[in-house]
Amino acid sequence: MEAKISGFFDSVAAFFGGGDQIPWCDRDVIHGCEREVADAADADSEDLKRESIMRLSWALVHSRQPEDVQRGIAMLEASLANNSTPLQHREKLYLLAVGYFRSGQYSRSRQLVEQCLEIAPDWRQALSLKKAIEDKIAKDGVIGIGITATAVGLIAGGVAAALARKK
């Protein structure tokens, strides 16, 4: 019996907790990437600059801080036009999708991950993100229905109580 109760609470916690497999990034990693970008700015290699900016973008969109995620999205949006390869374009689209997912803009995230899958249909990271997006959209819908049903129930209960008092 105790195992069933524990399993129930674990499933409820997973439902409300998110449960996606997308990694998080700490502030110290972001600061390291920022130093790397600053050091690369002094270098002559454009490839080194581009790689360090991509690492910083990755770290920012995987941050737990909303302002970091927004900064990462802005960096990626600005750099999206200057892609030299389809692989770089795919990576930027994926990171943008992660950023929009982290910021709660699931429809935009889904659009971007679909573009990634047009480039690479069997890319596991993008498929995993697409599933996480769809799960989150479905979960938000269920929560919204629950909230609406609760509100309707409370209103109906209040009306019934008011009518009972009048009699």
Protein backbone atom coordinates (compact mmCIF):
# COMPACT_ATOMS: atom_id res chain seq x y z
CA MET A 1 0.00 0.00 0.00
CA GLU A 2 2.81 2.38 0.91
CA ALA A 3 4.52 1.72 -2.42
CA LYS A 4 1.32 2.61 -4.30
CA ILE A 5 0.95 5.86 -2.38
CA SER A 6 4.61 6.70 -2.97
CA GLY A 7 4.21 5.93 -6.67
CA PHE A 8 1.14 8.15 -6.86
CA PHE A 9 2.97 11.09 -5.26
CA ASP A 10 5.99 10.54 -7.51
CA SER A 11 3.78 10.63 -10.62
CA VAL A 12 2.03 13.80 -9.41
CA ALA A 13 5.42 15.42 -8.70
CA ALA A 14 6.68 14.44 -12.15
CA PHE A 15 3.51 15.83 -13.74
CA PHE A 16 3.81 19.22 -12.08
CA GLY A 17 7.61 19.33 -12.02
CA GLY A 18 8.23 19.18 -15.74
CA GLY A 19 10.33 16.08 -16.18
CA ASP A 20 12.02 17.11 -19.44
CA GLN A 21 15.51 15.81 -20.18
CA ILE A 22 16.97 19.12 -21.34
CA PRO A 23 20.07 19.98 -19.31
CA TRP A 24 20.44 23.07 -17.15
CA CYS A 25 23.49 25.31 -17.01
CA ASP A 26 24.97 27.05 -13.97
CA ARG A 27 26.07 30.67 -13.70
CA ASP A 28 29.75 29.72 -13.37
CA VAL A 29 29.65 27.96 -16.75
CA ILE A 30 28.05 31.06 -18.29
CA HIS A 31 30.75 33.29 -16.78
CA GLY A 32 33.42 30.95 -18.19
CA CYS A 33 31.84 31.17 -21.64
CA GLU A 34 31.67 34.97 -21.38
CA ARG A 35 35.41 35.07 -20.59
CA GLU A 36 36.04 32.77 -23.55
CA VAL A 37 34.08 35.11 -25.86
CA ALA A 38 36.05 38.10 -24.53
CA ASP A 39 39.34 36.28 -25.13
CA ALA A 40 38.24 35.21 -28.62
CA ALA A 41 37.36 38.80 -29.50
CA ASP A 42 41.08 39.61 -29.24
CA ALA A 43 42.03 36.69 -31.48
CA ASP A 44 42.25 36.84 -35.26
CA SER A 45 40.31 33.61 -35.84
CA GLU A 46 36.68 34.11 -36.89
CA ASP A 47 36.04 30.41 -36.32
CA LEU A 48 37.18 30.72 -32.71
CA LYS A 49 34.91 33.72 -32.19
CA ARG A 50 31.94 31.92 -33.75
CA GLU A 51 32.52 28.75 -31.69
CA SER A 52 32.84 30.65 -28.42
CA ILE A 53 29.66 32.62 -29.14
CA MET A 54 27.82 29.35 -29.87
CA ARG A 55 29.02 27.89 -26.54
CA LEU A 56 27.84 31.01 -24.73
CA SER A 57 24.49 30.86 -26.53
CA TRP A 58 24.13 27.21 -25.50
CA ALA A 59 24.89 28.05 -21.88
CA LEU A 60 22.48 31.00 -21.84
CA VAL A 61 19.44 29.16 -23.24
CA HIS A 62 20.07 26.30 -20.80
CA SER A 63 20.21 28.65 -17.81
CA ARG A 64 17.70 28.65 -14.96
CA GLN A 65 17.67 32.46 -15.04
CA PRO A 66 15.02 33.93 -17.38
CA GLU A 67 17.18 36.96 -18.20
CA ASP A 68 20.00 34.66 -19.35
CA VAL A 69 17.59 32.69 -21.54
CA GLN A 70 16.31 35.92 -23.12
CA ARG A 71 19.88 37.06 -23.74
CA GLY A 72 20.66 33.73 -25.41
CA ILE A 73 17.57 34.00 -27.59
CA ALA A 74 18.57 37.52 -28.66
CA MET A 75 22.12 36.40 -29.51
CA LEU A 76 20.87 33.47 -31.56
CA GLU A 77 18.24 35.52 -33.39
CA ALA A 78 20.92 38.07 -34.31
CA SER A 79 23.32 35.40 -35.57
CA LEU A 80 20.74 33.30 -37.44
CA ALA A 81 21.20 35.21 -40.69
CA ASN A 82 24.95 34.58 -40.96
CA ASN A 83 25.15 30.79 -41.20
CA SER A 84 27.79 29.23 -43.34
CA THR A 85 26.53 25.64 -43.21
CA PRO A 86 23.19 23.84 -42.80
CA LEU A 87 24.64 22.21 -39.66
CA GLN A 88 25.21 25.60 -38.03
CA HIS A 89 21.71 26.71 -39.05
CA ARG A 90 20.23 23.54 -37.54
CA GLU A 91 22.17 24.05 -34.28
CA LYS A 92 21.01 27.65 -33.96
CA LEU A 93 17.39 26.70 -34.65
CA TYR A 94 17.60 23.97 -32.02
CA LEU A 95 19.11 26.30 -29.41
CA LEU A 96 16.44 28.89 -30.19
CA ALA A 97 13.79 26.20 -29.72
CA VAL A 98 15.32 25.34 -26.33
CA GLY A 99 15.35 29.01 -25.37
CA TYR A 100 11.71 29.50 -26.32
CA PHE A 101 10.81 26.26 -24.51
CA ARG A 102 12.56 27.48 -21.36
CA SER A 103 10.77 30.83 -21.61
CA GLY A 104 7.36 29.15 -21.94
CA GLN A 105 6.74 30.04 -25.59
CA TYR A 106 5.89 26.50 -26.62
CA SER A 107 4.28 27.19 -29.99
CA ARG A 108 7.32 29.16 -31.19
CA SER A 109 9.58 26.43 -29.83
CA ARG A 110 7.60 23.79 -31.70
CA GLN A 111 7.88 25.76 -34.97
CA LEU A 112 11.66 25.97 -34.62
CA VAL A 113 12.11 22.31 -33.71
CA GLU A 114 10.01 21.38 -36.75
CA GLN A 115 12.43 23.40 -38.90
CA CYS A 116 15.31 21.46 -37.32
CA LEU A 117 13.60 18.19 -38.15
CA GLU A 118 13.15 19.29 -41.77
CA ILE A 119 16.94 19.58 -41.98
CA ALA A 120 17.67 16.41 -39.98
CA PRO A 121 14.53 14.24 -39.54
CA ASP A 122 16.17 11.66 -37.29
CA TRP A 123 18.05 14.04 -34.95
CA ARG A 124 17.45 12.62 -31.48
CA GLN A 125 17.90 15.87 -29.57
CA ALA A 126 15.28 17.63 -31.68
CA LEU A 127 12.91 14.66 -31.43
CA SER A 128 13.33 14.64 -27.65
CA LEU A 129 12.68 18.38 -27.46
CA LYS A 130 9.61 18.01 -29.67
CA LYS A 131 8.23 15.37 -27.30
CA ALA A 132 8.95 17.60 -24.28
CA ILE A 133 7.15 20.49 -25.98
CA GLU A 134 4.13 18.36 -26.83
CA ASP A 135 4.03 16.95 -23.29
CA LYS A 136 4.19 20.44 -21.83
CA ILE A 137 1.41 21.73 -24.10
CA ALA A 138 -0.77 18.73 -23.19
CA LYS A 139 -0.02 19.15 -19.48
CA ASP A 140 -0.83 22.87 -19.59
CA GLY A 141 -4.13 22.01 -21.29
CA VAL A 142 -5.02 19.48 -18.59
CA ILE A 143 -4.12 21.95 -15.84
CA GLY A 144 -6.20 24.66 -17.55
CA ILE A 145 -9.19 22.34 -17.78
CA GLY A 146 -8.77 21.44 -14.10
CA ILE A 147 -8.62 25.08 -13.06
CA THR A 148 -11.68 25.90 -15.15
CA ALA A 149 -13.63 22.95 -13.75
CA THR A 150 -12.69 23.96 -10.20
CA ALA A 151 -13.77 27.55 -10.80
CA VAL A 152 -17.10 26.44 -12.27
CA GLY A 153 -17.63 24.09 -9.32
CA LEU A 154 -16.90 26.86 -6.82
CA ILE A 155 -19.26 29.25 -8.55
CA ALA A 156 -22.01 26.61 -8.74
CA GLY A 157 -21.46 25.80 -5.06
CA GLY A 158 -21.65 29.47 -4.15
CA VAL A 159 -24.88 29.92 -6.09
CA ALA A 160 -26.38 26.80 -4.49
CA ALA A 161 -25.38 28.02 -1.03
CA ALA A 162 -26.87 31.44 -1.70
CA LEU A 163 -30.13 29.89 -2.89
CA ALA A 164 -30.24 27.60 0.15
CA ARG A 165 -29.85 30.62 2.49
CA LYS A 166 -32.73 32.45 0.82
CA LYS A 167 -35.11 29.58 1.50
